PDB file of N, CA and C in Angstrom:
ATOM      1  N   MET A   1     -19.334  38.716 157.456  1.00  0.00           N
ATOM      2  CA  MET A   1     -19.640  39.901 156.634  1.00  0.00           C
ATOM      3  C   MET A   1     -18.863  41.061 158.402  1.00  0.00           C
ATOM      4  N   GLN A   2     -18.650  40.597 158.921  1.00  0.00           N
ATOM      5  CA  GLN A   2     -17.386  41.361 159.950  1.00  0.00           C
ATOM      6  C   GLN A   2     -16.420  41.352 160.000  1.00  0.00           C
ATOM      7  N   PHE A   3     -16.404  40.285 160.267  1.00  0.00           N
ATOM      8  CA  PHE A   3     -15.362  39.139 159.856  1.00  0.00           C
ATOM      9  C   PHE A   3     -14.162  40.357 158.905  1.00  0.00           C
ATOM     10  N   THR A   4     -14.672  40.134 157.894  1.00  0.00           N
ATOM     11  CA  THR A   4     -13.859  40.840 156.152  1.00  0.00           C
ATOM     12  C   THR A   4     -13.960  42.693 156.353  1.00  0.00           C
ATOM     13  N   LYS A   5     -15.128  42.886 157.772  1.00  0.00           N
ATOM     14  CA  LYS A   5     -14.429  44.891 157.229  1.00  0.00           C
ATOM     15  C   LYS A   5     -13.859  44.589 158.606  1.00  0.00           C
ATOM     16  N   ARG A   6     -13.148  44.043 159.422  1.00  0.00           N
ATOM     17  CA  ARG A   6     -12.611  43.781 160.205  1.00  0.00           C
ATOM     18  C   ARG A   6     -11.217  43.695 160.592  1.00  0.00           C
ATOM     19  N   ILE A   7     -10.958  42.554 159.358  1.00  0.00           N
ATOM     20  CA  ILE A   7      -9.520  42.986 158.658  1.00  0.00           C
ATOM     21  C   ILE A   7      -9.688  43.722 157.403  1.00  0.00           C
ATOM     22  N   GLY A   8     -10.555  43.550 156.402  1.00  0.00           N
ATOM     23  CA  GLY A   8     -10.066  46.125 155.696  1.00  0.00           C
ATOM     24  C   GLY A   8      -9.941  46.580 157.014  1.00  0.00           C
ATOM     25  N   ARG A   9     -10.396  47.213 157.883  1.00  0.00           N
ATOM     26  CA  ARG A   9      -9.986  48.286 158.729  1.00  0.00           C
ATOM     27  C   ARG A   9      -8.065  48.033 159.151  1.00  0.00           C
ATOM     28  N   VAL A  10      -8.140  46.728 159.630  1.00  0.00           N
ATOM     29  CA  VAL A  10      -6.948  46.247 160.135  1.00  0.00           C
ATOM     30  C   VAL A  10      -5.785  46.617 159.129  1.00  0.00           C
ATOM     31  N   LEU A  11      -6.130  45.289 158.156  1.00  0.00           N
ATOM     32  CA  LEU A  11      -4.677  45.644 157.027  1.00  0.00           C
ATOM     33  C   LEU A  11      -4.644  48.195 155.891  1.00  0.00           C
ATOM     34  N   ARG A  12      -6.047  48.663 156.924  1.00  0.00           N
ATOM     35  CA  ARG A  12      -5.248  49.798 155.752  1.00  0.00           C
ATOM     36  C   ARG A  12      -5.026  50.697 157.120  1.00  0.00           C
ATOM     37  N   ARG A  13      -4.782  50.051 158.329  1.00  0.00           N
ATOM     38  CA  ARG A  13      -4.593  50.585 158.900  1.00  0.00           C
ATOM     39  C   ARG A  13      -2.787  50.452 159.129  1.00  0.00           C
ATOM     40  N   LEU A  14      -2.066  49.008 159.355  1.00  0.00           N
ATOM     41  CA  LEU A  14      -0.929  49.025 158.928  1.00  0.00           C
ATOM     42  C   LEU A  14      -0.594  49.194 157.584  1.00  0.00           C
ATOM     43  N   HIS A  15      -1.136  49.574 156.976  1.00  0.00           N
ATOM     44  CA  HIS A  15      -0.710  50.289 155.456  1.00  0.00           C
ATOM     45  C   HIS A  15      -0.023  51.382 155.501  1.00  0.00           C
ATOM     46  N   ARG A  16      -0.578  51.896 155.782  1.00  0.00           N
ATOM     47  CA  ARG A  16      -0.104  53.452 157.163  1.00  0.00           C
ATOM     48  C   ARG A  16       0.248  53.425 158.029  1.00  0.00           C
ATOM     49  N   ASP A  17       0.466  52.743 158.573  1.00  0.00           N
ATOM     50  CA  ASP A  17       1.445  53.304 159.630  1.00  0.00           C
ATOM     51  C   ASP A  17       2.849  53.107 158.922  1.00  0.00           C
ATOM     52  N   GLU A  18       3.433  54.082 158.726  1.00  0.00           N
ATOM     53  CA  GLU A  18       4.466  54.472 158.639  1.00  0.00           C
ATOM     54  C   GLU A  18       6.349  53.573 159.298  1.00  0.00           C
ATOM     55  N   ARG A  19       5.816  53.231 160.752  1.00  0.00           N
ATOM     56  CA  ARG A  19       6.980  52.941 161.573  1.00  0.00           C
ATOM     57  C   ARG A  19       8.209  52.219 161.010  1.00  0.00           C
ATOM     58  N   GLY A  20       8.716  52.277 161.942  1.00  0.00           N
ATOM     59  CA  GLY A  20       9.719  51.812 161.436  1.00  0.00           C
ATOM     60  C   GLY A  20      10.316  51.766 159.780  1.00  0.00           C
ATOM     61  N   ALA A  21       9.766  52.125 158.970  1.00  0.00           N
ATOM     62  CA  ALA A  21      10.364  52.334 157.380  1.00  0.00           C
ATOM     63  C   ALA A  21      11.913  52.762 157.348  1.00  0.00           C
ATOM     64  N   LEU A  22      12.328  53.910 158.293  1.00  0.00           N
ATOM     65  CA  LEU A  22      12.690  54.478 157.672  1.00  0.00           C
ATOM     66  C   LEU A  22      14.304  53.562 158.113  1.00  0.00           C
ATOM     67  N   THR A  23      13.502  52.470 159.707  1.00  0.00           N
ATOM     68  CA  THR A  23      14.839  51.317 160.066  1.00  0.00           C
ATOM     69  C   THR A  23      14.848  50.215 158.611  1.00  0.00           C
ATOM     70  N   LEU A  24      14.364  49.576 158.557  1.00  0.00           N
ATOM     71  CA  LEU A  24      14.106  48.907 157.461  1.00  0.00           C
ATOM     72  C   LEU A  24      14.383  49.810 155.921  1.00  0.00           C
ATOM     73  N   GLU A  25      13.920  50.583 155.770  1.00  0.00           N
ATOM     74  CA  GLU A  25      15.684  51.370 154.618  1.00  0.00           C
ATOM     75  C   GLU A  25      16.355  51.237 154.738  1.00  0.00           C
ATOM     76  N   THR A  26      16.882  51.670 155.569  1.00  0.00           N
ATOM     77  CA  THR A  26      18.314  51.196 156.794  1.00  0.00           C
ATOM     78  C   THR A  26      19.492  50.147 156.489  1.00  0.00           C
ATOM     79  N   VAL A  27      18.647  49.685 157.217  1.00  0.00           N
ATOM     80  CA  VAL A  27      19.312  47.762 156.780  1.00  0.00           C
ATOM     81  C   VAL A  27      18.647  47.455 155.702  1.00  0.00           C
ATOM     82  N   LEU A  28      18.004  47.814 154.697  1.00  0.00           N
ATOM     83  CA  LEU A  28      17.742  47.443 153.035  1.00  0.00           C
ATOM     84  C   LEU A  28      19.709  48.062 152.515  1.00  0.00           C
ATOM     85  N   ILE A  29      19.802  48.516 152.521  1.00  0.00           N
ATOM     86  CA  ILE A  29      21.113  49.743 151.987  1.00  0.00           C
ATOM     87  C   ILE A  29      22.137  49.927 152.818  1.00  0.00           C
ATOM     88  N   ILE A  30      21.942  48.913 154.014  1.00  0.00           N
ATOM     89  CA  ILE A  30      23.658  48.556 154.488  1.00  0.00           C
ATOM     90  C   ILE A  30      23.610  46.907 154.253  1.00  0.00           C
ATOM     91  N   ALA A  31      22.555  45.985 154.086  1.00  0.00           N
ATOM     92  CA  ALA A  31      22.383  44.704 153.213  1.00  0.00           C
ATOM     93  C   ALA A  31      22.650  45.342 151.504  1.00  0.00           C
ATOM     94  N   ALA A  32      22.334  46.055 151.042  1.00  0.00           N
ATOM     95  CA  ALA A  32      22.750  46.453 149.418  1.00  0.00           C
ATOM     96  C   ALA A  32      24.285  46.424 149.456  1.00  0.00           C
ATOM     97  N   ILE A  33      24.965  47.634 150.605  1.00  0.00           N
ATOM     98  CA  ILE A  33      26.334  47.364 150.268  1.00  0.00           C
ATOM     99  C   ILE A  33      26.681  46.010 150.298  1.00  0.00           C
ATOM    100  N   ALA A  34      26.465  45.740 151.861  1.00  0.00           N
ATOM    101  CA  ALA A  34      27.463  44.040 152.543  1.00  0.00           C
ATOM    102  C   ALA A  34      27.091  43.168 152.203  1.00  0.00           C
ATOM    103  N   LEU A  35      26.308  43.057 151.689  1.00  0.00           N
ATOM    104  CA  LEU A  35      26.119  41.558 150.992  1.00  0.00           C
ATOM    105  C   LEU A  35      27.374  41.913 149.046  1.00  0.00           C
ATOM    106  N   PRO A  36      28.035  42.595 148.207  1.00  0.00           N
ATOM    107  CA  PRO A  36      28.737  42.656 147.590  1.00  0.00           C
ATOM    108  C   PRO A  36      30.042  42.065 148.271  1.00  0.00           C
ATOM    109  N   VAL A  37      30.605  42.579 149.056  1.00  0.00           N
ATOM    110  CA  VAL A  37      31.487  43.310 149.505  1.00  0.00           C
ATOM    111  C   VAL A  37      31.370  42.059 150.325  1.00  0.00           C
ATOM    112  N   LEU A  38      30.885  41.161 151.076  1.00  0.00           N
ATOM    113  CA  LEU A  38      31.176  39.466 151.216  1.00  0.00           C
ATOM    114  C   LEU A  38      30.819  38.866 150.813  1.00  0.00           C
ATOM    115  N   ILE A  39      30.491  38.643 149.537  1.00  0.00           N
ATOM    116  CA  ILE A  39      30.630  38.542 148.188  1.00  0.00           C
ATOM    117  C   ILE A  39      32.627  37.868 147.775  1.00  0.00           C
ATOM    118  N   VAL A  40      32.223  39.380 147.509  1.00  0.00           N
ATOM    119  CA  VAL A  40      33.538  39.360 147.483  1.00  0.00           C
ATOM    120  C   VAL A  40      35.048  39.067 148.349  1.00  0.00           C
ATOM    121  N   ILE A  41      34.838  38.765 149.396  1.00  0.00           N
ATOM    122  CA  ILE A  41      35.831  37.897 150.428  1.00  0.00           C
ATOM    123  C   ILE A  41      35.414  36.935 150.285  1.00  0.00           C
ATOM    124  N   VAL A  42      34.406  36.796 150.723  1.00  0.00           N
ATOM    125  CA  VAL A  42      34.075  34.780 150.333  1.00  0.00           C
ATOM    126  C   VAL A  42      34.948  34.062 149.792  1.00  0.00           C
ATOM    127  N   LYS A  43      35.039  34.770 148.244  1.00  0.00           N
ATOM    128  CA  LYS A  43      35.201  34.833 146.750  1.00  0.00           C
ATOM    129  C   LYS A  43      36.601  34.842 146.919  1.00  0.00           C
ATOM    130  N   TYR A  44      36.899  34.857 146.993  1.00  0.00           N
ATOM    131  CA  TYR A  44      38.632  35.922 147.053  1.00  0.00           C
ATOM    132  C   TYR A  44      39.642  35.517 148.547  1.00  0.00           C
ATOM    133  N   GLY A  45      38.969  36.057 149.159  1.00  0.00           N
ATOM    134  CA  GLY A  45      39.131  35.994 150.541  1.00  0.00           C
ATOM    135  C   GLY A  45      40.058  34.075 151.176  1.00  0.00           C
ATOM    136  N   TRP A  46      38.663  34.122 151.679  1.00  0.00           N
ATOM    137  CA  TRP A  46      38.575  32.955 151.473  1.00  0.00           C
ATOM    138  C   TRP A  46      39.729  31.704 151.194  1.00  0.00           C
ATOM    139  N   PRO A  47      40.698  31.458 149.953  1.00  0.00           N
ATOM    140  CA  PRO A  47      41.518  30.554 150.178  1.00  0.00           C
ATOM    141  C   PRO A  47      42.889  31.169 151.139  1.00  0.00           C
ATOM    142  N   ALA A  48      42.762  32.733 150.766  1.00  0.00           N
ATOM    143  CA  ALA A  48      43.740  33.247 151.775  1.00  0.00           C
ATOM    144  C   ALA A  48      44.297  32.381 153.468  1.00  0.00           C
ATOM    145  N   ILE A  49      42.647  32.787 154.056  1.00  0.00           N
ATOM    146  CA  ILE A  49      41.865  32.999 154.629  1.00  0.00           C
ATOM    147  C   ILE A  49      42.945  31.148 155.394  1.00  0.00           C
ATOM    148  N   ARG A  50      41.775  29.941 154.295  1.00  0.00           N
ATOM    149  CA  ARG A  50      42.245  29.123 154.623  1.00  0.00           C
ATOM    150  C   ARG A  50      42.988  28.317 154.669  1.00  0.00           C
ATOM    151  N   ASN A  51      44.249  28.778 154.188  1.00  0.00           N
ATOM    152  CA  ASN A  51      45.687  28.849 153.663  1.00  0.00           C
ATOM    153  C   ASN A  51      46.281  29.652 155.102  1.00  0.00           C
ATOM    154  N   TYR A  52      45.761  29.749 155.492  1.00  0.00           N
ATOM    155  CA  TYR A  52      46.546  30.923 157.121  1.00  0.00           C
ATOM    156  C   TYR A  52      46.230  29.534 158.360  1.00  0.00           C
ATOM    157  N   PHE A  53      44.666  28.803 157.619  1.00  0.00           N
ATOM    158  CA  PHE A  53      44.391  28.219 159.407  1.00  0.00           C
ATOM    159  C   PHE A  53      45.295  27.084 158.925  1.00  0.00           C
ATOM    160  N   ASP A  54      45.157  26.589 158.021  1.00  0.00           N
ATOM    161  CA  ASP A  54      45.931  25.510 157.332  1.00  0.00           C
ATOM    162  C   ASP A  54      47.000  25.432 157.869  1.00  0.00           C
ATOM    163  N   ARG A  55      47.828  26.160 157.995  1.00  0.00           N
ATOM    164  CA  ARG A  55      49.583  26.574 157.975  1.00  0.00           C
ATOM    165  C   ARG A  55      49.513  25.840 159.371  1.00  0.00           C
ATOM    166  N   GLY A  56      48.620  27.044 159.799  1.00  0.00           N
ATOM    167  CA  GLY A  56      48.731  27.267 161.926  1.00  0.00           C
ATOM    168  C   GLY A  56      48.259  25.603 162.532  1.00  0.00           C
ATOM    169  N   LEU A  57      47.364  24.518 161.353  1.00  0.00           N
ATOM    170  CA  LEU A  57      46.950  23.428 162.222  1.00  0.00           C
ATOM    171  C   LEU A  57      48.417  22.823 161.994  1.00  0.00           C
ATOM    172  N   GLU A  58      49.223  22.472 160.997  1.00  0.00           N
ATOM    173  CA  GLU A  58      50.067  22.093 160.312  1.00  0.00           C
ATOM    174  C   GLU A  58      51.262  21.636 161.329  1.00  0.00           C
ATOM    175  N   SER A  59      50.673  23.230 162.071  1.00  0.00           N
ATOM    176  CA  SER A  59      52.411  24.019 162.859  1.00  0.00           C
ATOM    177  C   SER A  59      51.989  22.977 163.997  1.00  0.00           C
ATOM    178  N   LEU A  60      51.108  23.559 164.343  1.00  0.00           N
ATOM    179  CA  LEU A  60      50.232  22.406 165.987  1.00  0.00           C
ATOM    180  C   LEU A  60      50.919  21.638 165.335  1.00  0.00           C
ATOM    181  N   GLU A  61      50.034  20.488 164.257  1.00  0.00           N
ATOM    182  CA  GLU A  61      50.428  18.812 164.261  1.00  0.00           C
ATOM    183  C   GLU A  61      51.720  18.550 164.750  1.00  0.00           C
ATOM    184  N   GLN A  62      52.531  19.348 163.515  1.00  0.00           N
ATOM    185  CA  GLN A  62      54.594  18.859 164.137  1.00  0.00           C
ATOM    186  C   GLN A  62      54.405  18.567 165.605  1.00  0.00           C
ATOM    187  N   SER A  63      54.027  20.194 165.885  1.00  0.00           N
ATOM    188  CA  SER A  63      54.209  20.833 167.194  1.00  0.00           C
ATOM    189  C   SER A  63      54.044  19.836 168.246  1.00  0.00           C
ATOM    190  N   THR A  64      52.695  19.276 168.199  1.00  0.00           N
ATOM    191  CA  THR A  64      52.583  18.314 168.626  1.00  0.00           C
ATOM    192  C   THR A  64      52.955  16.667 169.153  1.00  0.00           C
ATOM    193  N   ASP A  65      53.567  16.841 167.570  1.00  0.00           N
ATOM    194  CA  ASP A  65      54.344  14.438 167.276  1.00  0.00           C
ATOM    195  C   ASP A  65      55.996  16.115 167.721  1.00  0.00           C
ATOM    196  N   GLU A  66      56.432  16.492 168.020  1.00  0.00           N
ATOM    197  CA  GLU A  66      57.684  17.006 168.640  1.00  0.00           C
ATOM    198  C   GLU A  66      57.891  16.778 169.487  1.00  0.00           C
ATOM    199  N   ALA A  67      55.961  17.205 169.841  1.00  0.00           N
ATOM    200  CA  ALA A  67      56.217  16.878 171.724  1.00  0.00           C
ATOM    201  C   ALA A  67      55.990  15.516 172.830  1.00  0.00           C
ATOM    202  N   THR A  68      55.621  15.104 172.023  1.00  0.00           N
ATOM    203  CA  THR A  68      55.385  13.641 172.329  1.00  0.00           C
ATOM    204  C   THR A  68      56.743  12.191 171.661  1.00  0.00           C
ATOM    205  N   ARG A  69      57.106  12.694 170.970  1.00  0.00           N
ATOM    206  CA  ARG A  69      58.887  12.396 170.661  1.00  0.00           C
ATOM    207  C   ARG A  69      59.496  11.819 172.018  1.00  0.00           C
TER     208      ARG A  69
END
């Protein structure tokens, strides 16, 4: 019984404590804005980024092949 009362007091104190609420709200707002932007970048921008790096790797491979001849 004593343990149950102690847990109840801790839970009530935790529920009333509002420290960090503003930080949590700010993080949630930033995530709500950043997540759709990140999805769009990955969906539409990733092929362009991948092609850019693929071209760079191909150029590097060609330069290496020419240097070893």
